[in-house]
Amino acid sequence: MKLGAAALLLIILGLPSLAQSESCDGNVQEMLACLARSLKAVDAQLNEKYQKALGVAKAHRHGVANVQNLRDTERKWIGYRDAICEEYGLVDGGTGGQSTQLSCLIRITKQRIADLEADY
């Protein structure tokens, strides 16, 4: 399915709000660099939450099983995240593909952080 120019423009215009503490304004290269920094920051937050979750899992009376379950789940989640966001990198080879893919990675990673916070 082809993404129309108007839809692509709406996606790109909405991307600046995804940056954590900076505005992702500018040309395509600047926007991609900004989104990459945002993804790196969100990924660091995820790693912090994951380490805390591992600590909670280890402290539980069924620690070994809980830790193994959390590790397995995280591996599967990473595969899911990468697969679901890969499709966005294929937006007819246009300049919006990479930014849309980065935005997807940021969004889904934020969802995983919220899940870990809620569960652990």
PDB file of N, CA and C in Angstrom:
ATOM      1  N   MET A   1       0.841  -1.168   0.000  1.00  0.00           N
ATOM      2  CA  MET A   1       0.000   0.000   0.000  1.00  0.00           C
ATOM      3  C   MET A   1       0.889   1.234   0.000  1.00  0.00           C
ATOM      4  N   LYS A   2       0.607   2.168  -0.905  1.00  0.00           N
ATOM      5  CA  LYS A   2       1.411   3.371  -0.996  1.00  0.00           C
ATOM      6  C   LYS A   2       0.882   4.423  -0.047  1.00  0.00           C
ATOM      7  N   LEU A   3       1.813   5.134   0.545  1.00  0.00           N
ATOM      8  CA  LEU A   3       1.462   6.210   1.456  1.00  0.00           C
ATOM      9  C   LEU A   3       1.420   7.497   0.646  1.00  0.00           C
ATOM     10  N   GLY A   4       0.287   8.175   0.682  1.00  0.00           N
ATOM     11  CA  GLY A   4       0.138   9.403  -0.068  1.00  0.00           C
ATOM     12  C   GLY A   4       1.022  10.504   0.463  1.00  0.00           C
ATOM     13  N   ALA A   5       1.303  11.483  -0.393  1.00  0.00           N
ATOM     14  CA  ALA A   5       2.167  12.600  -0.002  1.00  0.00           C
ATOM     15  C   ALA A   5       1.586  13.371   1.176  1.00  0.00           C
ATOM     16  N   ALA A   6       0.272  13.547   1.206  1.00  0.00           N
ATOM     17  CA  ALA A   6      -0.356  14.281   2.313  1.00  0.00           C
ATOM     18  C   ALA A   6      -0.208  13.521   3.623  1.00  0.00           C
ATOM     19  N   ALA A   7      -0.387  12.201   3.586  1.00  0.00           N
ATOM     20  CA  ALA A   7      -0.249  11.403   4.799  1.00  0.00           C
ATOM     21  C   ALA A   7       1.194  11.421   5.289  1.00  0.00           C
ATOM     22  N   LEU A   8       2.141  11.323   4.362  1.00  0.00           N
ATOM     23  CA  LEU A   8       3.550  11.368   4.727  1.00  0.00           C
ATOM     24  C   LEU A   8       3.899  12.711   5.355  1.00  0.00           C
ATOM     25  N   LEU A   9       3.379  13.779   4.800  1.00  0.00           N
ATOM     26  CA  LEU A   9       3.626  15.112   5.354  1.00  0.00           C
ATOM     27  C   LEU A   9       3.075  15.212   6.767  1.00  0.00           C
ATOM     28  N   LEU A  10       1.882  14.669   7.004  1.00  0.00           N
ATOM     29  CA  LEU A  10       1.305  14.694   8.352  1.00  0.00           C
ATOM     30  C   LEU A  10       2.165  13.903   9.333  1.00  0.00           C
ATOM     31  N   ILE A  11       2.694  12.776   8.894  1.00  0.00           N
ATOM     32  CA  ILE A  11       3.555  11.973   9.756  1.00  0.00           C
ATOM     33  C   ILE A  11       4.816  12.759  10.105  1.00  0.00           C
ATOM     34  N   ILE A  12       5.445  13.323   9.108  1.00  0.00           N
ATOM     35  CA  ILE A  12       6.693  14.054   9.331  1.00  0.00           C
ATOM     36  C   ILE A  12       6.463  15.272  10.209  1.00  0.00           C
ATOM     37  N   LEU A  13       5.363  15.992   9.986  1.00  0.00           N
ATOM     38  CA  LEU A  13       5.078  17.171  10.805  1.00  0.00           C
ATOM     39  C   LEU A  13       4.806  16.797  12.251  1.00  0.00           C
ATOM     40  N   GLY A  14       4.314  15.612  12.488  1.00  0.00           N
ATOM     41  CA  GLY A  14       4.042  15.179  13.852  1.00  0.00           C
ATOM     42  C   GLY A  14       5.262  14.644  14.574  1.00  0.00           C
ATOM     43  N   LEU A  15       6.347  14.413  13.868  1.00  0.00           N
ATOM     44  CA  LEU A  15       7.521  13.812  14.479  1.00  0.00           C
ATOM     45  C   LEU A  15       8.210  14.678  15.527  1.00  0.00           C
ATOM     46  N   PRO A  16       8.258  15.993  15.397  1.00  0.00           N
ATOM     47  CA  PRO A  16       8.963  16.767  16.411  1.00  0.00           C
ATOM     48  C   PRO A  16       8.456  16.525  17.823  1.00  0.00           C
ATOM     49  N   SER A  17       7.191  16.213  17.986  1.00  0.00           N
ATOM     50  CA  SER A  17       6.667  15.996  19.324  1.00  0.00           C
ATOM     51  C   SER A  17       7.215  14.722  19.955  1.00  0.00           C
ATOM     52  N   LEU A  18       7.848  13.870  19.184  1.00  0.00           N
ATOM     53  CA  LEU A  18       8.388  12.633  19.717  1.00  0.00           C
ATOM     54  C   LEU A  18       9.730  12.825  20.398  1.00  0.00           C
ATOM     55  N   ALA A  19      10.410  13.894  20.098  1.00  0.00           N
ATOM     56  CA  ALA A  19      11.700  14.131  20.743  1.00  0.00           C
ATOM     57  C   ALA A  19      11.472  14.382  22.216  1.00  0.00           C
ATOM     58  N   GLN A  20      12.401  13.931  23.027  1.00  0.00           N
ATOM     59  CA  GLN A  20      12.208  14.028  24.462  1.00  0.00           C
ATOM     60  C   GLN A  20      12.344  15.448  24.975  1.00  0.00           C
ATOM     61  N   SER A  21      13.424  16.097  24.704  1.00  0.00           N
ATOM     62  CA  SER A  21      13.630  17.411  25.292  1.00  0.00           C
ATOM     63  C   SER A  21      14.053  18.433  24.259  1.00  0.00           C
ATOM     64  N   GLU A  22      13.989  18.086  23.014  1.00  0.00           N
ATOM     65  CA  GLU A  22      14.403  19.005  21.983  1.00  0.00           C
ATOM     66  C   GLU A  22      13.408  18.972  20.835  1.00  0.00           C
ATOM     67  N   SER A  23      13.399  20.031  20.086  1.00  0.00           N
ATOM     68  CA  SER A  23      12.529  20.098  18.927  1.00  0.00           C
ATOM     69  C   SER A  23      13.279  19.520  17.734  1.00  0.00           C
ATOM     70  N   CYS A  24      12.645  18.634  17.012  1.00  0.00           N
ATOM     71  CA  CYS A  24      13.273  17.998  15.858  1.00  0.00           C
ATOM     72  C   CYS A  24      12.945  18.774  14.586  1.00  0.00           C
ATOM     73  N   ASP A  25      13.207  20.046  14.623  1.00  0.00           N
ATOM     74  CA  ASP A  25      12.978  20.884  13.449  1.00  0.00           C
ATOM     75  C   ASP A  25      14.219  20.867  12.574  1.00  0.00           C
ATOM     76  N   GLY A  26      14.042  21.252  11.340  1.00  0.00           N
ATOM     77  CA  GLY A  26      15.168  21.362  10.435  1.00  0.00           C
ATOM     78  C   GLY A  26      14.971  20.500   9.210  1.00  0.00           C
ATOM     79  N   ASN A  27      16.052  20.323   8.492  1.00  0.00           N
ATOM     80  CA  ASN A  27      15.975  19.509   7.285  1.00  0.00           C
ATOM     81  C   ASN A  27      15.902  18.034   7.668  1.00  0.00           C
ATOM     82  N   VAL A  28      15.796  17.183   6.668  1.00  0.00           N
ATOM     83  CA  VAL A  28      15.606  15.750   6.920  1.00  0.00           C
ATOM     84  C   VAL A  28      16.774  15.177   7.716  1.00  0.00           C
ATOM     85  N   GLN A  29      17.989  15.544   7.387  1.00  0.00           N
ATOM     86  CA  GLN A  29      19.154  15.023   8.105  1.00  0.00           C
ATOM     87  C   GLN A  29      19.137  15.443   9.571  1.00  0.00           C
ATOM     88  N   GLU A  30      18.788  16.690   9.833  1.00  0.00           N
ATOM     89  CA  GLU A  30      18.718  17.178  11.213  1.00  0.00           C
ATOM     90  C   GLU A  30      17.608  16.459  11.983  1.00  0.00           C
ATOM     91  N   MET A  31      16.480  16.258  11.315  1.00  0.00           N
ATOM     92  CA  MET A  31      15.369  15.572  11.959  1.00  0.00           C
ATOM     93  C   MET A  31      15.742  14.125  12.280  1.00  0.00           C
ATOM     94  N   LEU A  32      16.408  13.447  11.358  1.00  0.00           N
ATOM     95  CA  LEU A  32      16.816  12.064  11.603  1.00  0.00           C
ATOM     96  C   LEU A  32      17.818  11.985  12.754  1.00  0.00           C
ATOM     97  N   ALA A  33      18.742  12.930  12.801  1.00  0.00           N
ATOM     98  CA  ALA A  33      19.716  12.953  13.896  1.00  0.00           C
ATOM     99  C   ALA A  33      19.008  13.178  15.227  1.00  0.00           C
ATOM    100  N   CYS A  34      18.047  14.060  15.251  1.00  0.00           N
ATOM    101  CA  CYS A  34      17.275  14.345  16.458  1.00  0.00           C
ATOM    102  C   CYS A  34      16.502  13.105  16.901  1.00  0.00           C
ATOM    103  N   LEU A  35      15.837  12.453  15.974  1.00  0.00           N
ATOM    104  CA  LEU A  35      15.080  11.247  16.310  1.00  0.00           C
ATOM    105  C   LEU A  35      16.000  10.136  16.800  1.00  0.00           C
ATOM    106  N   ALA A  36      17.179  10.034  16.212  1.00  0.00           N
ATOM    107  CA  ALA A  36      18.144   9.021  16.654  1.00  0.00           C
ATOM    108  C   ALA A  36      18.588   9.303  18.093  1.00  0.00           C
ATOM    109  N   ARG A  37      18.807  10.576  18.427  1.00  0.00           N
ATOM    110  CA  ARG A  37      19.157  10.935  19.807  1.00  0.00           C
ATOM    111  C   ARG A  37      18.002  10.610  20.751  1.00  0.00           C
ATOM    112  N   SER A  38      16.783  10.889  20.318  1.00  0.00           N
ATOM    113  CA  SER A  38      15.608  10.591  21.142  1.00  0.00           C
ATOM    114  C   SER A  38      15.479   9.095  21.378  1.00  0.00           C
ATOM    115  N   LEU A  39      15.700   8.306  20.336  1.00  0.00           N
ATOM    116  CA  LEU A  39      15.638   6.848  20.477  1.00  0.00           C
ATOM    117  C   LEU A  39      16.710   6.360  21.446  1.00  0.00           C
ATOM    118  N   LYS A  40      17.906   6.924  21.344  1.00  0.00           N
ATOM    119  CA  LYS A  40      18.989   6.533  22.250  1.00  0.00           C
ATOM    120  C   LYS A  40      18.606   6.840  23.699  1.00  0.00           C
ATOM    121  N   ALA A  41      18.006   7.997  23.940  1.00  0.00           N
ATOM    122  CA  ALA A  41      17.589   8.372  25.299  1.00  0.00           C
ATOM    123  C   ALA A  41      16.482   7.450  25.818  1.00  0.00           C
ATOM    124  N   VAL A  42      15.504   7.142  24.967  1.00  0.00           N
ATOM    125  CA  VAL A  42      14.408   6.261  25.362  1.00  0.00           C
ATOM    126  C   VAL A  42      14.937   4.848  25.608  1.00  0.00           C
ATOM    127  N   ASP A  43      15.883   4.420  24.786  1.00  0.00           N
ATOM    128  CA  ASP A  43      16.482   3.099  24.969  1.00  0.00           C
ATOM    129  C   ASP A  43      17.241   3.030  26.297  1.00  0.00           C
ATOM    130  N   ALA A  44      17.908   4.105  26.676  1.00  0.00           N
ATOM    131  CA  ALA A  44      18.604   4.139  27.971  1.00  0.00           C
ATOM    132  C   ALA A  44      17.605   4.041  29.122  1.00  0.00           C
ATOM    133  N   GLN A  45      16.466   4.716  28.980  1.00  0.00           N
ATOM    134  CA  GLN A  45      15.414   4.621  29.999  1.00  0.00           C
ATOM    135  C   GLN A  45      14.889   3.192  30.098  1.00  0.00           C
ATOM    136  N   LEU A  46      14.699   2.560  28.947  1.00  0.00           N
ATOM    137  CA  LEU A  46      14.241   1.172  28.932  1.00  0.00           C
ATOM    138  C   LEU A  46      15.240   0.269  29.649  1.00  0.00           C
ATOM    139  N   ASN A  47      16.511   0.431  29.363  1.00  0.00           N
ATOM    140  CA  ASN A  47      17.525  -0.400  30.011  1.00  0.00           C
ATOM    141  C   ASN A  47      17.513  -0.209  31.523  1.00  0.00           C
ATOM    142  N   GLU A  48      17.320   1.016  31.970  1.00  0.00           N
ATOM    143  CA  GLU A  48      17.236   1.297  33.409  1.00  0.00           C
ATOM    144  C   GLU A  48      16.033   0.586  34.028  1.00  0.00           C
ATOM    145  N   LYS A  49      14.869   0.692  33.384  1.00  0.00           N
ATOM    146  CA  LYS A  49      13.657   0.037  33.900  1.00  0.00           C
ATOM    147  C   LYS A  49      13.804  -1.481  33.871  1.00  0.00           C
ATOM    148  N   TYR A  50      14.427  -1.994  32.850  1.00  0.00           N
ATOM    149  CA  TYR A  50      14.626  -3.441  32.730  1.00  0.00           C
ATOM    150  C   TYR A  50      15.526  -3.950  33.856  1.00  0.00           C
ATOM    151  N   GLN A  51      16.598  -3.224  34.149  1.00  0.00           N
ATOM    152  CA  GLN A  51      17.490  -3.627  35.242  1.00  0.00           C
ATOM    153  C   GLN A  51      16.757  -3.618  36.587  1.00  0.00           C
ATOM    154  N   LYS A  52      15.915  -2.614  36.799  1.00  0.00           N
ATOM    155  CA  LYS A  52      15.117  -2.568  38.030  1.00  0.00           C
ATOM    156  C   LYS A  52      14.146  -3.748  38.081  1.00  0.00           C
ATOM    157  N   ALA A  53      13.538  -4.056  36.955  1.00  0.00           N
ATOM    158  CA  ALA A  53      12.608  -5.184  36.897  1.00  0.00           C
ATOM    159  C   ALA A  53      13.331  -6.493  37.198  1.00  0.00           C
ATOM    160  N   LEU A  54      14.544  -6.648  36.685  1.00  0.00           N
ATOM    161  CA  LEU A  54      15.329  -7.845  36.988  1.00  0.00           C
ATOM    162  C   LEU A  54      15.592  -7.958  38.489  1.00  0.00           C
ATOM    163  N   GLY A  55      15.887  -6.835  39.117  1.00  0.00           N
ATOM    164  CA  GLY A  55      16.108  -6.829  40.562  1.00  0.00           C
ATOM    165  C   GLY A  55      14.882  -7.274  41.326  1.00  0.00           C
ATOM    166  N   VAL A  56      13.725  -6.784  40.915  1.00  0.00           N
ATOM    167  CA  VAL A  56      12.472  -7.184  41.564  1.00  0.00           C
ATOM    168  C   VAL A  56      12.218  -8.667  41.333  1.00  0.00           C
ATOM    169  N   ALA A  57      12.447  -9.122  40.108  1.00  0.00           N
ATOM    170  CA  ALA A  57      12.225 -10.534  39.781  1.00  0.00           C
ATOM    171  C   ALA A  57      13.140 -11.436  40.604  1.00  0.00           C
ATOM    172  N   LYS A  58      14.391 -11.035  40.786  1.00  0.00           N
ATOM    173  CA  LYS A  58      15.352 -11.832  41.563  1.00  0.00           C
ATOM    174  C   LYS A  58      14.944 -11.906  43.030  1.00  0.00           C
ATOM    175  N   ALA A  59      14.358 -10.846  43.540  1.00  0.00           N
ATOM    176  CA  ALA A  59      13.989 -10.786  44.953  1.00  0.00           C
ATOM    177  C   ALA A  59      12.762 -11.634  45.279  1.00  0.00           C
ATOM    178  N   HIS A  60      12.001 -11.994  44.287  1.00  0.00           N
ATOM    179  CA  HIS A  60      10.786 -12.783  44.489  1.00  0.00           C
ATOM    180  C   HIS A  60      11.161 -14.212  44.889  1.00  0.00           C
ATOM    181  N   ARG A  61      10.292 -14.880  45.607  1.00  0.00           N
ATOM    182  CA  ARG A  61      10.619 -16.233  46.078  1.00  0.00           C
ATOM    183  C   ARG A  61      10.805 -17.224  44.934  1.00  0.00           C
ATOM    184  N   HIS A  62      10.280 -16.932  43.783  1.00  0.00           N
ATOM    185  CA  HIS A  62      10.508 -17.771  42.595  1.00  0.00           C
ATOM    186  C   HIS A  62      11.467 -17.049  41.655  1.00  0.00           C
ATOM    187  N   GLY A  63      12.499 -16.476  42.232  1.00  0.00           N
ATOM    188  CA  GLY A  63      13.413 -15.588  41.514  1.00  0.00           C
ATOM    189  C   GLY A  63      13.974 -16.133  40.225  1.00  0.00           C
ATOM    190  N   VAL A  64      14.500 -17.347  40.235  1.00  0.00           N
ATOM    191  CA  VAL A  64      15.140 -17.897  39.038  1.00  0.00           C
ATOM    192  C   VAL A  64      14.148 -17.986  37.889  1.00  0.00           C
ATOM    193  N   ALA A  65      12.963 -18.493  38.167  1.00  0.00           N
ATOM    194  CA  ALA A  65      11.940 -18.624  37.120  1.00  0.00           C
ATOM    195  C   ALA A  65      11.469 -17.252  36.647  1.00  0.00           C
ATOM    196  N   ASN A  66      11.318 -16.302  37.572  1.00  0.00           N
ATOM    197  CA  ASN A  66      10.879 -14.954  37.198  1.00  0.00           C
ATOM    198  C   ASN A  66      11.909 -14.252  36.325  1.00  0.00           C
ATOM    199  N   VAL A  67      13.169 -14.382  36.681  1.00  0.00           N
ATOM    200  CA  VAL A  67      14.241 -13.754  35.899  1.00  0.00           C
ATOM    201  C   VAL A  67      14.285 -14.360  34.502  1.00  0.00           C
ATOM    202  N   GLN A  68      14.203 -15.673  34.413  1.00  0.00           N
ATOM    203  CA  GLN A  68      14.232 -16.319  33.096  1.00  0.00           C
ATOM    204  C   GLN A  68      13.032 -15.891  32.249  1.00  0.00           C
ATOM    205  N   ASN A  69      11.872 -15.796  32.870  1.00  0.00           N
ATOM    206  CA  ASN A  69      10.673 -15.359  32.155  1.00  0.00           C
ATOM    207  C   ASN A  69      10.829 -13.922  31.648  1.00  0.00           C
ATOM    208  N   LEU A  70      11.351 -13.049  32.498  1.00  0.00           N
ATOM    209  CA  LEU A  70      11.546 -11.651  32.089  1.00  0.00           C
ATOM    210  C   LEU A  70      12.555 -11.555  30.949  1.00  0.00           C
ATOM    211  N   ARG A  71      13.639 -12.300  31.038  1.00  0.00           N
ATOM    212  CA  ARG A  71      14.646 -12.282  29.961  1.00  0.00           C
ATOM    213  C   ARG A  71      14.071 -12.804  28.649  1.00  0.00           C
ATOM    214  N   ASP A  72      13.331 -13.903  28.720  1.00  0.00           N
ATOM    215  CA  ASP A  72      12.706 -14.446  27.509  1.00  0.00           C
ATOM    216  C   ASP A  72      11.716 -13.452  26.910  1.00  0.00           C
ATOM    217  N   THR A  73      10.921 -12.850  27.779  1.00  0.00           N
ATOM    218  CA  THR A  73       9.932 -11.880  27.313  1.00  0.00           C
ATOM    219  C   THR A  73      10.611 -10.690  26.647  1.00  0.00           C
ATOM    220  N   GLU A  74      11.691 -10.207  27.242  1.00  0.00           N
ATOM    221  CA  GLU A  74      12.395  -9.049  26.676  1.00  0.00           C
ATOM    222  C   GLU A  74      12.978  -9.371  25.314  1.00  0.00           C
ATOM    223  N   ARG A  75      13.549 -10.554  25.159  1.00  0.00           N
ATOM    224  CA  ARG A  75      14.083 -10.955  23.851  1.00  0.00           C
ATOM    225  C   ARG A  75      12.971 -11.001  22.797  1.00  0.00           C
ATOM    226  N   LYS A  76      11.847 -11.577  23.185  1.00  0.00           N
ATOM    227  CA  LYS A  76      10.720 -11.654  22.248  1.00  0.00           C
ATOM    228  C   LYS A  76      10.177 -10.263  21.936  1.00  0.00           C
ATOM    229  N   TRP A  77      10.136  -9.407  22.940  1.00  0.00           N
ATOM    230  CA  TRP A  77       9.642  -8.042  22.720  1.00  0.00           C
ATOM    231  C   TRP A  77      10.546  -7.299  21.741  1.00  0.00           C
ATOM    232  N   ILE A  78      11.854  -7.448  21.876  1.00  0.00           N
ATOM    233  CA  ILE A  78      12.793  -6.787  20.962  1.00  0.00           C
ATOM    234  C   ILE A  78      12.534  -7.245  19.527  1.00  0.00           C
ATOM    235  N   GLY A  79      12.332  -8.543  19.338  1.00  0.00           N
ATOM    236  CA  GLY A  79      12.014  -9.053  17.999  1.00  0.00           C
ATOM    237  C   GLY A  79      10.718  -8.472  17.459  1.00  0.00           C
ATOM    238  N   TYR A  80       9.705  -8.382  18.331  1.00  0.00           N
ATOM    239  CA  TYR A  80       8.420  -7.795  17.944  1.00  0.00           C
ATOM    240  C   TYR A  80       8.606  -6.332  17.545  1.00  0.00           C
ATOM    241  N   ARG A  81       9.283  -5.566  18.399  1.00  0.00           N
ATOM    242  CA  ARG A  81       9.487  -4.134  18.125  1.00  0.00           C
ATOM    243  C   ARG A  81      10.190  -3.937  16.793  1.00  0.00           C
ATOM    244  N   ASP A  82      11.260  -4.685  16.579  1.00  0.00           N
ATOM    245  CA  ASP A  82      12.017  -4.525  15.340  1.00  0.00           C
ATOM    246  C   ASP A  82      11.192  -4.908  14.118  1.00  0.00           C
ATOM    247  N   ALA A  83      10.411  -5.979  14.237  1.00  0.00           N
ATOM    248  CA  ALA A  83       9.595  -6.432  13.107  1.00  0.00           C
ATOM    249  C   ALA A  83       8.480  -5.443  12.789  1.00  0.00           C
ATOM    250  N   ILE A  84       7.792  -4.956  13.817  1.00  0.00           N
ATOM    251  CA  ILE A  84       6.656  -4.075  13.578  1.00  0.00           C
ATOM    252  C   ILE A  84       7.117  -2.737  13.004  1.00  0.00           C
ATOM    253  N   CYS A  85       8.282  -2.274  13.423  1.00  0.00           N
ATOM    254  CA  CYS A  85       8.763  -0.977  12.939  1.00  0.00           C
ATOM    255  C   CYS A  85       9.492  -1.079  11.609  1.00  0.00           C
ATOM    256  N   GLU A  86       9.915  -2.276  11.239  1.00  0.00           N
ATOM    257  CA  GLU A  86      10.625  -2.451   9.969  1.00  0.00           C
ATOM    258  C   GLU A  86       9.759  -2.040   8.784  1.00  0.00           C
ATOM    259  N   GLU A  87       8.465  -2.325   8.863  1.00  0.00           N
ATOM    260  CA  GLU A  87       7.594  -1.991   7.745  1.00  0.00           C
ATOM    261  C   GLU A  87       7.579  -0.495   7.453  1.00  0.00           C
ATOM    262  N   TYR A  88       7.803   0.324   8.473  1.00  0.00           N
ATOM    263  CA  TYR A  88       7.787   1.766   8.272  1.00  0.00           C
ATOM    264  C   TYR A  88       9.030   2.260   7.547  1.00  0.00           C
ATOM    265  N   GLY A  89      10.091   1.503   7.581  1.00  0.00           N
ATOM    266  CA  GLY A  89      11.294   1.875   6.855  1.00  0.00           C
ATOM    267  C   GLY A  89      11.162   1.660   5.362  1.00  0.00           C
ATOM    268  N   LEU A  90      10.054   1.078   4.942  1.00  0.00           N
ATOM    269  CA  LEU A  90       9.870   0.719   3.534  1.00  0.00           C
ATOM    270  C   LEU A  90       8.878   1.627   2.817  1.00  0.00           C
ATOM    271  N   VAL A  91       8.715   2.844   3.275  1.00  0.00           N
ATOM    272  CA  VAL A  91       7.726   3.760   2.701  1.00  0.00           C
ATOM    273  C   VAL A  91       8.178   4.181   1.308  1.00  0.00           C
ATOM    274  N   ASP A  92       8.014   3.290   0.370  1.00  0.00           N
ATOM    275  CA  ASP A  92       8.342   3.527  -1.041  1.00  0.00           C
ATOM    276  C   ASP A  92       9.735   4.109  -1.249  1.00  0.00           C
ATOM    277  N   GLY A  93      10.653   3.836  -0.334  1.00  0.00           N
ATOM    278  CA  GLY A  93      12.022   4.323  -0.481  1.00  0.00           C
ATOM    279  C   GLY A  93      12.150   5.823  -0.320  1.00  0.00           C
ATOM    280  N   GLY A  94      11.117   6.489   0.143  1.00  0.00           N
ATOM    281  CA  GLY A  94      11.147   7.941   0.288  1.00  0.00           C
ATOM    282  C   GLY A  94      11.868   8.380   1.541  1.00  0.00           C
ATOM    283  N   THR A  95      12.032   9.681   1.663  1.00  0.00           N
ATOM    284  CA  THR A  95      12.761  10.225   2.804  1.00  0.00           C
ATOM    285  C   THR A  95      11.990  10.072   4.108  1.00  0.00           C
ATOM    286  N   GLY A  96      10.689   9.850   4.044  1.00  0.00           N
ATOM    287  CA  GLY A  96       9.898   9.698   5.260  1.00  0.00           C
ATOM    288  C   GLY A  96      10.021   8.338   5.904  1.00  0.00           C
ATOM    289  N   GLY A  97      10.551   7.354   5.193  1.00  0.00           N
ATOM    290  CA  GLY A  97      10.625   6.004   5.726  1.00  0.00           C
ATOM    291  C   GLY A  97      11.466   5.878   6.978  1.00  0.00           C
ATOM    292  N   GLN A  98      12.659   6.417   6.951  1.00  0.00           N
ATOM    293  CA  GLN A  98      13.561   6.282   8.094  1.00  0.00           C
ATOM    294  C   GLN A  98      13.032   7.042   9.306  1.00  0.00           C
ATOM    295  N   SER A  99      12.499   8.232   9.092  1.00  0.00           N
ATOM    296  CA  SER A  99      11.972   9.000  10.226  1.00  0.00           C
ATOM    297  C   SER A  99      10.740   8.319  10.812  1.00  0.00           C
ATOM    298  N   THR A 100       9.914   7.747   9.972  1.00  0.00           N
ATOM    299  CA  THR A 100       8.734   7.038  10.454  1.00  0.00           C
ATOM    300  C   THR A 100       9.143   5.788  11.227  1.00  0.00           C
ATOM    301  N   GLN A 101      10.166   5.097  10.763  1.00  0.00           N
ATOM    302  CA  GLN A 101      10.658   3.917  11.461  1.00  0.00           C
ATOM    303  C   GLN A 101      11.226   4.294  12.827  1.00  0.00           C
ATOM    304  N   LEU A 102      12.017   5.353  12.894  1.00  0.00           N
ATOM    305  CA  LEU A 102      12.554   5.810  14.176  1.00  0.00           C
ATOM    306  C   LEU A 102      11.431   6.200  15.129  1.00  0.00           C
ATOM    307  N   SER A 103      10.429   6.870  14.613  1.00  0.00           N
ATOM    308  CA  SER A 103       9.289   7.269  15.439  1.00  0.00           C
ATOM    309  C   SER A 103       8.570   6.050  16.001  1.00  0.00           C
ATOM    310  N   CYS A 104       8.431   5.031  15.200  1.00  0.00           N
ATOM    311  CA  CYS A 104       7.811   3.773  15.646  1.00  0.00           C
ATOM    312  C   CYS A 104       8.633   3.152  16.765  1.00  0.00           C
ATOM    313  N   LEU A 105       9.936   3.092  16.599  1.00  0.00           N
ATOM    314  CA  LEU A 105      10.806   2.520  17.625  1.00  0.00           C
ATOM    315  C   LEU A 105      10.684   3.289  18.940  1.00  0.00           C
ATOM    316  N   ILE A 106      10.626   4.614  18.849  1.00  0.00           N
ATOM    317  CA  ILE A 106      10.484   5.453  20.040  1.00  0.00           C
ATOM    318  C   ILE A 106       9.145   5.165  20.718  1.00  0.00           C
ATOM    319  N   ARG A 107       8.085   5.153  19.932  1.00  0.00           N
ATOM    320  CA  ARG A 107       6.739   4.956  20.482  1.00  0.00           C
ATOM    321  C   ARG A 107       6.593   3.596  21.165  1.00  0.00           C
ATOM    322  N   ILE A 108       7.043   2.552  20.515  1.00  0.00           N
ATOM    323  CA  ILE A 108       6.887   1.208  21.074  1.00  0.00           C
ATOM    324  C   ILE A 108       7.816   1.008  22.272  1.00  0.00           C
ATOM    325  N   THR A 109       8.973   1.613  22.253  1.00  0.00           N
ATOM    326  CA  THR A 109       9.871   1.524  23.404  1.00  0.00           C
ATOM    327  C   THR A 109       9.269   2.235  24.608  1.00  0.00           C
ATOM    328  N   LYS A 110       8.634   3.373  24.388  1.00  0.00           N
ATOM    329  CA  LYS A 110       7.961   4.075  25.485  1.00  0.00           C
ATOM    330  C   LYS A 110       6.832   3.214  26.061  1.00  0.00           C
ATOM    331  N   GLN A 111       6.142   2.491  25.200  1.00  0.00           N
ATOM    332  CA  GLN A 111       5.084   1.591  25.676  1.00  0.00           C
ATOM    333  C   GLN A 111       5.668   0.484  26.550  1.00  0.00           C
ATOM    334  N   ARG A 112       6.810  -0.044  26.160  1.00  0.00           N
ATOM    335  CA  ARG A 112       7.449  -1.106  26.945  1.00  0.00           C
ATOM    336  C   ARG A 112       7.903  -0.564  28.302  1.00  0.00           C
ATOM    337  N   ILE A 113       8.426   0.648  28.331  1.00  0.00           N
ATOM    338  CA  ILE A 113       8.814   1.269  29.600  1.00  0.00           C
ATOM    339  C   ILE A 113       7.604   1.367  30.521  1.00  0.00           C
ATOM    340  N   ALA A 114       6.490   1.812  29.989  1.00  0.00           N
ATOM    341  CA  ALA A 114       5.260   1.922  30.784  1.00  0.00           C
ATOM    342  C   ALA A 114       4.830   0.558  31.292  1.00  0.00           C
ATOM    343  N   ASP A 115       4.937  -0.470  30.469  1.00  0.00           N
ATOM    344  CA  ASP A 115       4.582  -1.822  30.894  1.00  0.00           C
ATOM    345  C   ASP A 115       5.472  -2.302  32.037  1.00  0.00           C
ATOM    346  N   LEU A 116       6.772  -2.085  31.917  1.00  0.00           N
ATOM    347  CA  LEU A 116       7.680  -2.501  32.983  1.00  0.00           C
ATOM    348  C   LEU A 116       7.406  -1.742  34.278  1.00  0.00           C
ATOM    349  N   GLU A 117       7.123  -0.440  34.139  1.00  0.00           N
ATOM    350  CA  GLU A 117       6.791   0.360  35.339  1.00  0.00           C
ATOM    351  C   GLU A 117       5.532  -0.163  36.009  1.00  0.00           C
ATOM    352  N   ALA A 118       4.547  -0.532  35.227  1.00  0.00           N
ATOM    353  CA  ALA A 118       3.290  -1.014  35.779  1.00  0.00           C
ATOM    354  C   ALA A 118       3.438  -2.397  36.414  1.00  0.00           C
ATOM    355  N   ASP A 119       4.252  -3.244  35.820  1.00  0.00           N
ATOM    356  CA  ASP A 119       4.377  -4.625  36.287  1.00  0.00           C
ATOM    357  C   ASP A 119       5.404  -4.825  37.386  1.00  0.00           C
ATOM    358  N   TYR A 120       6.404  -3.957  37.432  1.00  0.00           N
ATOM    359  CA  TYR A 120       7.472  -4.134  38.407  1.00  0.00           C
ATOM    360  C   TYR A 120       7.615  -2.875  39.249  1.00  0.00           C
TER     361      TYR A 120
END
